[in-house]
Amino acid sequence: MSLAGIIALLLILVFVGILIMYLLRVITILVHVSFTLGTIIAGVRAIASQIETVPETVASVNNDLVPVQNATDQLSSRTGGRRAIGS
């Protein structure tokens, strides 16, 4: 093999080595991004599961406040429908 062939093979090996290094760097960045996105997705799912009960809780609180509303309606009718100052 001639000197030009050896130099060409060495340059190809150097070029392939540089490509391998860049590809490994891209792989490590993508692994980090994938981990970060997984963490974000887990957090969003946790938040979503924690707020699932809000509509049920609001309905329960509204049901519990029905006697209070009835009492305030009775008080309002006794005072002629006038509301207290600041209401």
PDB file of N, CA and C in Angstrom:
ATOM      1  N   MET A   1       0.855  -1.171   0.000  1.00  0.00           N
ATOM      2  CA  MET A   1       0.000   0.000   0.000  1.00  0.00           C
ATOM      3  C   MET A   1       0.905   1.238   0.000  1.00  0.00           C
ATOM      4  N   SER A   2       0.506   2.209  -0.746  1.00  0.00           N
ATOM      5  CA  SER A   2       1.323   3.416  -0.878  1.00  0.00           C
ATOM      6  C   SER A   2       1.100   4.350   0.312  1.00  0.00           C
ATOM      7  N   LEU A   3       1.946   5.339   0.388  1.00  0.00           N
ATOM      8  CA  LEU A   3       1.865   6.325   1.463  1.00  0.00           C
ATOM      9  C   LEU A   3       0.547   7.105   1.383  1.00  0.00           C
ATOM     10  N   ALA A   4       0.098   7.417   0.185  1.00  0.00           N
ATOM     11  CA  ALA A   4      -1.166   8.150   0.012  1.00  0.00           C
ATOM     12  C   ALA A   4      -2.343   7.314   0.518  1.00  0.00           C
ATOM     13  N   GLY A   5      -2.312   6.025   0.288  1.00  0.00           N
ATOM     14  CA  GLY A   5      -3.378   5.149   0.775  1.00  0.00           C
ATOM     15  C   GLY A   5      -3.407   5.076   2.291  1.00  0.00           C
ATOM     16  N   ILE A   6      -2.218   5.015   2.905  1.00  0.00           N
ATOM     17  CA  ILE A   6      -2.132   4.967   4.374  1.00  0.00           C
ATOM     18  C   ILE A   6      -2.645   6.277   4.966  1.00  0.00           C
ATOM     19  N   ILE A   7      -2.248   7.399   4.364  1.00  0.00           N
ATOM     20  CA  ILE A   7      -2.705   8.709   4.852  1.00  0.00           C
ATOM     21  C   ILE A   7      -4.219   8.830   4.694  1.00  0.00           C
ATOM     22  N   ALA A   8      -4.747   8.350   3.580  1.00  0.00           N
ATOM     23  CA  ALA A   8      -6.192   8.403   3.362  1.00  0.00           C
ATOM     24  C   ALA A   8      -6.921   7.559   4.406  1.00  0.00           C
ATOM     25  N   LEU A   9      -6.401   6.359   4.706  1.00  0.00           N
ATOM     26  CA  LEU A   9      -7.028   5.517   5.730  1.00  0.00           C
ATOM     27  C   LEU A   9      -6.951   6.165   7.111  1.00  0.00           C
ATOM     28  N   LEU A  10      -5.812   6.782   7.431  1.00  0.00           N
ATOM     29  CA  LEU A  10      -5.682   7.469   8.723  1.00  0.00           C
ATOM     30  C   LEU A  10      -6.658   8.640   8.826  1.00  0.00           C
ATOM     31  N   LEU A  11      -6.798   9.400   7.750  1.00  0.00           N
ATOM     32  CA  LEU A  11      -7.750  10.522   7.770  1.00  0.00           C
ATOM     33  C   LEU A  11      -9.192  10.020   7.921  1.00  0.00           C
ATOM     34  N   ILE A  12      -9.494   8.926   7.252  1.00  0.00           N
ATOM     35  CA  ILE A  12     -10.838   8.349   7.388  1.00  0.00           C
ATOM     36  C   ILE A  12     -11.074   7.880   8.814  1.00  0.00           C
ATOM     37  N   LEU A  13     -10.059   7.225   9.420  1.00  0.00           N
ATOM     38  CA  LEU A  13     -10.183   6.776  10.812  1.00  0.00           C
ATOM     39  C   LEU A  13     -10.358   7.958  11.763  1.00  0.00           C
ATOM     40  N   VAL A  14      -9.597   9.037  11.532  1.00  0.00           N
ATOM     41  CA  VAL A  14      -9.739  10.229  12.381  1.00  0.00           C
ATOM     42  C   VAL A  14     -11.137  10.818  12.210  1.00  0.00           C
ATOM     43  N   PHE A  15     -11.604  10.918  10.987  1.00  0.00           N
ATOM     44  CA  PHE A  15     -12.931  11.462  10.715  1.00  0.00           C
ATOM     45  C   PHE A  15     -14.019  10.607  11.377  1.00  0.00           C
ATOM     46  N   VAL A  16     -13.912   9.282  11.252  1.00  0.00           N
ATOM     47  CA  VAL A  16     -14.886   8.378  11.867  1.00  0.00           C
ATOM     48  C   VAL A  16     -14.821   8.495  13.395  1.00  0.00           C
ATOM     49  N   GLY A  17     -13.608   8.617  13.938  1.00  0.00           N
ATOM     50  CA  GLY A  17     -13.456   8.790  15.393  1.00  0.00           C
ATOM     51  C   GLY A  17     -14.121  10.067  15.886  1.00  0.00           C
ATOM     52  N   ILE A  18     -13.945  11.160  15.133  1.00  0.00           N
ATOM     53  CA  ILE A  18     -14.588  12.425  15.501  1.00  0.00           C
ATOM     54  C   ILE A  18     -16.102  12.291  15.416  1.00  0.00           C
ATOM     55  N   LEU A  19     -16.601  11.629  14.385  1.00  0.00           N
ATOM     56  CA  LEU A  19     -18.049  11.408  14.270  1.00  0.00           C
ATOM     57  C   LEU A  19     -18.573  10.581  15.438  1.00  0.00           C
ATOM     58  N   ILE A  20     -17.822   9.568  15.834  1.00  0.00           N
ATOM     59  CA  ILE A  20     -18.242   8.735  16.968  1.00  0.00           C
ATOM     60  C   ILE A  20     -18.313   9.574  18.241  1.00  0.00           C
ATOM     61  N   MET A  21     -17.336  10.440  18.455  1.00  0.00           N
ATOM     62  CA  MET A  21     -17.351  11.285  19.658  1.00  0.00           C
ATOM     63  C   MET A  21     -18.565  12.216  19.657  1.00  0.00           C
ATOM     64  N   TYR A  22     -18.845  12.835  18.505  1.00  0.00           N
ATOM     65  CA  TYR A  22     -20.004  13.718  18.434  1.00  0.00           C
ATOM     66  C   TYR A  22     -21.312  12.948  18.630  1.00  0.00           C
ATOM     67  N   LEU A  23     -21.398  11.775  18.047  1.00  0.00           N
ATOM     68  CA  LEU A  23     -22.619  10.980  18.216  1.00  0.00           C
ATOM     69  C   LEU A  23     -22.796  10.543  19.663  1.00  0.00           C
ATOM     70  N   LEU A  24     -21.704  10.189  20.335  1.00  0.00           N
ATOM     71  CA  LEU A  24     -21.808   9.839  21.758  1.00  0.00           C
ATOM     72  C   LEU A  24     -22.252  11.040  22.583  1.00  0.00           C
ATOM     73  N   ARG A  25     -21.772  12.215  22.244  1.00  0.00           N
ATOM     74  CA  ARG A  25     -22.197  13.435  22.952  1.00  0.00           C
ATOM     75  C   ARG A  25     -23.689  13.683  22.725  1.00  0.00           C
ATOM     76  N   VAL A  26     -24.139  13.521  21.497  1.00  0.00           N
ATOM     77  CA  VAL A  26     -25.566  13.702  21.194  1.00  0.00           C
ATOM     78  C   VAL A  26     -26.392  12.675  21.956  1.00  0.00           C
ATOM     79  N   ILE A  27     -25.902  11.437  22.042  1.00  0.00           N
ATOM     80  CA  ILE A  27     -26.627  10.395  22.777  1.00  0.00           C
ATOM     81  C   ILE A  27     -26.751  10.770  24.246  1.00  0.00           C
ATOM     82  N   THR A  28     -25.660  11.261  24.858  1.00  0.00           N
ATOM     83  CA  THR A  28     -25.735  11.634  26.274  1.00  0.00           C
ATOM     84  C   THR A  28     -26.695  12.804  26.488  1.00  0.00           C
ATOM     85  N   ILE A  29     -26.705  13.757  25.565  1.00  0.00           N
ATOM     86  CA  ILE A  29     -27.641  14.884  25.686  1.00  0.00           C
ATOM     87  C   ILE A  29     -29.083  14.390  25.558  1.00  0.00           C
ATOM     88  N   LEU A  30     -29.326  13.500  24.609  1.00  0.00           N
ATOM     89  CA  LEU A  30     -30.684  12.978  24.425  1.00  0.00           C
ATOM     90  C   LEU A  30     -31.138  12.141  25.611  1.00  0.00           C
ATOM     91  N   VAL A  31     -30.232  11.403  26.224  1.00  0.00           N
ATOM     92  CA  VAL A  31     -30.584  10.629  27.420  1.00  0.00           C
ATOM     93  C   VAL A  31     -30.967  11.588  28.550  1.00  0.00           C
ATOM     94  N   HIS A  32     -30.213  12.663  28.700  1.00  0.00           N
ATOM     95  CA  HIS A  32     -30.533  13.646  29.739  1.00  0.00           C
ATOM     96  C   HIS A  32     -31.880  14.314  29.467  1.00  0.00           C
ATOM     97  N   VAL A  33     -32.124  14.682  28.225  1.00  0.00           N
ATOM     98  CA  VAL A  33     -33.400  15.306  27.855  1.00  0.00           C
ATOM     99  C   VAL A  33     -34.552  14.336  28.100  1.00  0.00           C
ATOM    100  N   SER A  34     -34.346  13.075  27.743  1.00  0.00           N
ATOM    101  CA  SER A  34     -35.380  12.065  27.952  1.00  0.00           C
ATOM    102  C   SER A  34     -35.683  11.902  29.440  1.00  0.00           C
ATOM    103  N   PHE A  35     -34.644  11.875  30.269  1.00  0.00           N
ATOM    104  CA  PHE A  35     -34.853  11.764  31.716  1.00  0.00           C
ATOM    105  C   PHE A  35     -35.603  12.979  32.255  1.00  0.00           C
ATOM    106  N   THR A  36     -35.205  14.170  31.796  1.00  0.00           N
ATOM    107  CA  THR A  36     -35.865  15.393  32.259  1.00  0.00           C
ATOM    108  C   THR A  36     -37.333  15.418  31.839  1.00  0.00           C
ATOM    109  N   LEU A  37     -37.613  15.028  30.605  1.00  0.00           N
ATOM    110  CA  LEU A  37     -39.008  14.992  30.149  1.00  0.00           C
ATOM    111  C   LEU A  37     -39.816  13.953  30.929  1.00  0.00           C
ATOM    112  N   GLY A  38     -39.207  12.829  31.233  1.00  0.00           N
ATOM    113  CA  GLY A  38     -39.882  11.821  32.049  1.00  0.00           C
ATOM    114  C   GLY A  38     -40.226  12.356  33.427  1.00  0.00           C
ATOM    115  N   THR A  39     -39.300  13.113  34.015  1.00  0.00           N
ATOM    116  CA  THR A  39     -39.554  13.716  35.320  1.00  0.00           C
ATOM    117  C   THR A  39     -40.689  14.728  35.240  1.00  0.00           C
ATOM    118  N   ILE A  40     -40.698  15.526  34.190  1.00  0.00           N
ATOM    119  CA  ILE A  40     -41.765  16.517  34.019  1.00  0.00           C
ATOM    120  C   ILE A  40     -43.110  15.823  33.829  1.00  0.00           C
ATOM    121  N   ILE A  41     -43.137  14.781  33.027  1.00  0.00           N
ATOM    122  CA  ILE A  41     -44.393  14.050  32.799  1.00  0.00           C
ATOM    123  C   ILE A  41     -44.894  13.431  34.096  1.00  0.00           C
ATOM    124  N   ALA A  42     -43.976  12.869  34.887  1.00  0.00           N
ATOM    125  CA  ALA A  42     -44.382  12.288  36.172  1.00  0.00           C
ATOM    126  C   ALA A  42     -44.958  13.361  37.089  1.00  0.00           C
ATOM    127  N   GLY A  43     -44.346  14.544  37.087  1.00  0.00           N
ATOM    128  CA  GLY A  43     -44.856  15.641  37.914  1.00  0.00           C
ATOM    129  C   GLY A  43     -46.231  16.103  37.467  1.00  0.00           C
ATOM    130  N   VAL A  44     -46.422  16.220  36.167  1.00  0.00           N
ATOM    131  CA  VAL A  44     -47.731  16.642  35.645  1.00  0.00           C
ATOM    132  C   VAL A  44     -48.797  15.608  35.981  1.00  0.00           C
ATOM    133  N   ARG A  45     -48.447  14.328  35.858  1.00  0.00           N
ATOM    134  CA  ARG A  45     -49.413  13.275  36.212  1.00  0.00           C
ATOM    135  C   ARG A  45     -49.740  13.305  37.699  1.00  0.00           C
ATOM    136  N   ALA A  46     -48.744  13.592  38.538  1.00  0.00           N
ATOM    137  CA  ALA A  46     -48.997  13.681  39.971  1.00  0.00           C
ATOM    138  C   ALA A  46     -49.938  14.837  40.284  1.00  0.00           C
ATOM    139  N   ILE A  47     -49.714  15.963  39.632  1.00  0.00           N
ATOM    140  CA  ILE A  47     -50.596  17.120  39.831  1.00  0.00           C
ATOM    141  C   ILE A  47     -52.003  16.785  39.356  1.00  0.00           C
ATOM    142  N   ALA A  48     -52.101  16.146  38.206  1.00  0.00           N
ATOM    143  CA  ALA A  48     -53.422  15.798  37.668  1.00  0.00           C
ATOM    144  C   ALA A  48     -54.149  14.837  38.590  1.00  0.00           C
ATOM    145  N   SER A  49     -53.442  13.883  39.164  1.00  0.00           N
ATOM    146  CA  SER A  49     -54.112  12.931  40.058  1.00  0.00           C
ATOM    147  C   SER A  49     -54.530  13.600  41.369  1.00  0.00           C
ATOM    148  N   GLN A  50     -53.787  14.620  41.795  1.00  0.00           N
ATOM    149  CA  GLN A  50     -54.148  15.306  43.038  1.00  0.00           C
ATOM    150  C   GLN A  50     -55.352  16.223  42.859  1.00  0.00           C
ATOM    151  N   ILE A  51     -55.571  16.741  41.664  1.00  0.00           N
ATOM    152  CA  ILE A  51     -56.708  17.647  41.485  1.00  0.00           C
ATOM    153  C   ILE A  51     -57.941  16.935  40.964  1.00  0.00           C
ATOM    154  N   GLU A  52     -57.880  15.619  40.785  1.00  0.00           N
ATOM    155  CA  GLU A  52     -59.061  14.886  40.328  1.00  0.00           C
ATOM    156  C   GLU A  52     -60.215  15.004  41.310  1.00  0.00           C
ATOM    157  N   THR A  53     -59.912  15.103  42.586  1.00  0.00           N
ATOM    158  CA  THR A  53     -60.965  15.131  43.601  1.00  0.00           C
ATOM    159  C   THR A  53     -61.578  16.509  43.795  1.00  0.00           C
ATOM    160  N   VAL A  54     -61.053  17.548  43.157  1.00  0.00           N
ATOM    161  CA  VAL A  54     -61.561  18.900  43.370  1.00  0.00           C
ATOM    162  C   VAL A  54     -63.042  19.007  43.002  1.00  0.00           C
ATOM    163  N   PRO A  55     -63.507  18.549  41.820  1.00  0.00           N
ATOM    164  CA  PRO A  55     -64.938  18.674  41.527  1.00  0.00           C
ATOM    165  C   PRO A  55     -65.814  17.923  42.529  1.00  0.00           C
ATOM    166  N   GLU A  56     -65.363  16.747  42.961  1.00  0.00           N
ATOM    167  CA  GLU A  56     -66.128  16.000  43.958  1.00  0.00           C
ATOM    168  C   GLU A  56     -66.173  16.761  45.278  1.00  0.00           C
ATOM    169  N   THR A  57     -65.054  17.348  45.666  1.00  0.00           N
ATOM    170  CA  THR A  57     -64.996  18.091  46.926  1.00  0.00           C
ATOM    171  C   THR A  57     -65.870  19.331  46.863  1.00  0.00           C
ATOM    172  N   VAL A  58     -65.846  20.030  45.737  1.00  0.00           N
ATOM    173  CA  VAL A  58     -66.669  21.235  45.592  1.00  0.00           C
ATOM    174  C   VAL A  58     -68.145  20.866  45.688  1.00  0.00           C
ATOM    175  N   ALA A  59     -68.546  19.786  45.050  1.00  0.00           N
ATOM    176  CA  ALA A  59     -69.946  19.357  45.135  1.00  0.00           C
ATOM    177  C   ALA A  59     -70.310  19.009  46.576  1.00  0.00           C
ATOM    178  N   SER A  60     -69.409  18.349  47.268  1.00  0.00           N
ATOM    179  CA  SER A  60     -69.660  17.991  48.668  1.00  0.00           C
ATOM    180  C   SER A  60     -69.790  19.243  49.539  1.00  0.00           C
ATOM    181  N   VAL A  61     -68.906  20.207  49.331  1.00  0.00           N
ATOM    182  CA  VAL A  61     -68.964  21.457  50.110  1.00  0.00           C
ATOM    183  C   VAL A  61     -70.255  22.197  49.798  1.00  0.00           C
ATOM    184  N   ASN A  62     -70.646  22.240  48.529  1.00  0.00           N
ATOM    185  CA  ASN A  62     -71.899  22.908  48.167  1.00  0.00           C
ATOM    186  C   ASN A  62     -73.090  22.240  48.849  1.00  0.00           C
ATOM    187  N   ASN A  63     -73.090  20.917  48.902  1.00  0.00           N
ATOM    188  CA  ASN A  63     -74.173  20.210  49.594  1.00  0.00           C
ATOM    189  C   ASN A  63     -74.171  20.519  51.079  1.00  0.00           C
ATOM    190  N   ASP A  64     -72.987  20.635  51.664  1.00  0.00           N
ATOM    191  CA  ASP A  64     -72.893  20.946  53.089  1.00  0.00           C
ATOM    192  C   ASP A  64     -73.343  22.379  53.383  1.00  0.00           C
ATOM    193  N   LEU A  65     -73.257  23.264  52.402  1.00  0.00           N
ATOM    194  CA  LEU A  65     -73.620  24.666  52.615  1.00  0.00           C
ATOM    195  C   LEU A  65     -75.090  24.967  52.341  1.00  0.00           C
ATOM    196  N   VAL A  66     -75.860  23.985  51.923  1.00  0.00           N
ATOM    197  CA  VAL A  66     -77.288  24.209  51.656  1.00  0.00           C
ATOM    198  C   VAL A  66     -78.003  24.688  52.916  1.00  0.00           C
ATOM    199  N   PRO A  67     -77.788  24.104  54.101  1.00  0.00           N
ATOM    200  CA  PRO A  67     -78.464  24.646  55.296  1.00  0.00           C
ATOM    201  C   PRO A  67     -78.060  26.085  55.611  1.00  0.00           C
ATOM    202  N   VAL A  68     -76.817  26.424  55.352  1.00  0.00           N
ATOM    203  CA  VAL A  68     -76.367  27.796  55.594  1.00  0.00           C
ATOM    204  C   VAL A  68     -77.088  28.743  54.641  1.00  0.00           C
ATOM    205  N   GLN A  69     -77.231  28.350  53.390  1.00  0.00           N
ATOM    206  CA  GLN A  69     -77.949  29.191  52.421  1.00  0.00           C
ATOM    207  C   GLN A  69     -79.407  29.351  52.832  1.00  0.00           C
ATOM    208  N   ASN A  70     -80.025  28.279  53.283  1.00  0.00           N
ATOM    209  CA  ASN A  70     -81.417  28.368  53.735  1.00  0.00           C
ATOM    210  C   ASN A  70     -81.544  29.304  54.928  1.00  0.00           C
ATOM    211  N   ALA A  71     -80.597  29.220  55.851  1.00  0.00           N
ATOM    212  CA  ALA A  71     -80.647  30.090  57.027  1.00  0.00           C
ATOM    213  C   ALA A  71     -80.455  31.547  56.637  1.00  0.00           C
ATOM    214  N   THR A  72     -79.553  31.822  55.728  1.00  0.00           N
ATOM    215  CA  THR A  72     -79.347  33.216  55.305  1.00  0.00           C
ATOM    216  C   THR A  72     -80.546  33.735  54.523  1.00  0.00           C
ATOM    217  N   ASP A  73     -81.208  32.865  53.768  1.00  0.00           N
ATOM    218  CA  ASP A  73     -82.414  33.288  53.070  1.00  0.00           C
ATOM    219  C   ASP A  73     -83.516  33.651  54.070  1.00  0.00           C
ATOM    220  N   GLN A  74     -83.626  32.862  55.134  1.00  0.00           N
ATOM    221  CA  GLN A  74     -84.634  33.161  56.159  1.00  0.00           C
ATOM    222  C   GLN A  74     -84.310  34.472  56.857  1.00  0.00           C
ATOM    223  N   LEU A  75     -83.021  34.689  57.172  1.00  0.00           N
ATOM    224  CA  LEU A  75     -82.638  35.944  57.817  1.00  0.00           C
ATOM    225  C   LEU A  75     -82.886  37.128  56.883  1.00  0.00           C
ATOM    226  N   SER A  76     -82.621  36.928  55.622  1.00  0.00           N
ATOM    227  CA  SER A  76     -82.825  37.998  54.653  1.00  0.00           C
ATOM    228  C   SER A  76     -84.309  38.342  54.543  1.00  0.00           C
ATOM    229  N   SER A  77     -85.162  37.336  54.569  1.00  0.00           N
ATOM    230  CA  SER A  77     -86.595  37.615  54.474  1.00  0.00           C
ATOM    231  C   SER A  77     -87.096  38.303  55.740  1.00  0.00           C
ATOM    232  N   ARG A  78     -86.503  38.037  56.897  1.00  0.00           N
ATOM    233  CA  ARG A  78     -86.917  38.687  58.144  1.00  0.00           C
ATOM    234  C   ARG A  78     -86.543  40.153  58.165  1.00  0.00           C
ATOM    235  N   THR A  79     -85.427  40.479  57.494  1.00  0.00           N
ATOM    236  CA  THR A  79     -84.968  41.880  57.505  1.00  0.00           C
ATOM    237  C   THR A  79     -85.493  42.651  56.314  1.00  0.00           C
ATOM    238  N   GLY A  80     -86.399  42.077  55.577  1.00  0.00           N
ATOM    239  CA  GLY A  80     -86.978  42.772  54.449  1.00  0.00           C
ATOM    240  C   GLY A  80     -86.104  42.704  53.208  1.00  0.00           C
ATOM    241  N   GLY A  81     -85.189  41.786  53.169  1.00  0.00           N
ATOM    242  CA  GLY A  81     -84.355  41.608  51.984  1.00  0.00           C
ATOM    243  C   GLY A  81     -83.143  42.513  51.967  1.00  0.00           C
ATOM    244  N   ARG A  82     -82.937  43.283  53.044  1.00  0.00           N
ATOM    245  CA  ARG A  82     -81.768  44.155  53.079  1.00  0.00           C
ATOM    246  C   ARG A  82     -80.557  43.364  53.523  1.00  0.00           C
ATOM    247  N   ARG A  83     -79.462  43.729  52.976  1.00  0.00           N
ATOM    248  CA  ARG A  83     -78.217  43.046  53.336  1.00  0.00           C
ATOM    249  C   ARG A  83     -77.440  43.919  54.310  1.00  0.00           C
ATOM    250  N   ALA A  84     -76.604  43.254  55.074  1.00  0.00           N
ATOM    251  CA  ALA A  84     -75.777  43.983  56.037  1.00  0.00           C
ATOM    252  C   ALA A  84     -74.731  44.813  55.297  1.00  0.00           C
ATOM    253  N   ILE A  85     -74.221  45.805  55.969  1.00  0.00           N
ATOM    254  CA  ILE A  85     -73.211  46.672  55.380  1.00  0.00           C
ATOM    255  C   ILE A  85     -71.952  45.839  55.122  1.00  0.00           C
ATOM    256  N   GLY A  86     -71.371  46.014  53.928  1.00  0.00           N
ATOM    257  CA  GLY A  86     -70.161  45.288  53.588  1.00  0.00           C
ATOM    258  C   GLY A  86     -70.438  44.000  52.826  1.00  0.00           C
ATOM    259  N   SER A  87     -71.680  43.638  52.618  1.00  0.00           N
ATOM    260  CA  SER A  87     -71.990  42.400  51.879  1.00  0.00           C
ATOM    261  C   SER A  87     -72.260  42.691  50.445  1.00  0.00           C
TER     262      SER A  87
END
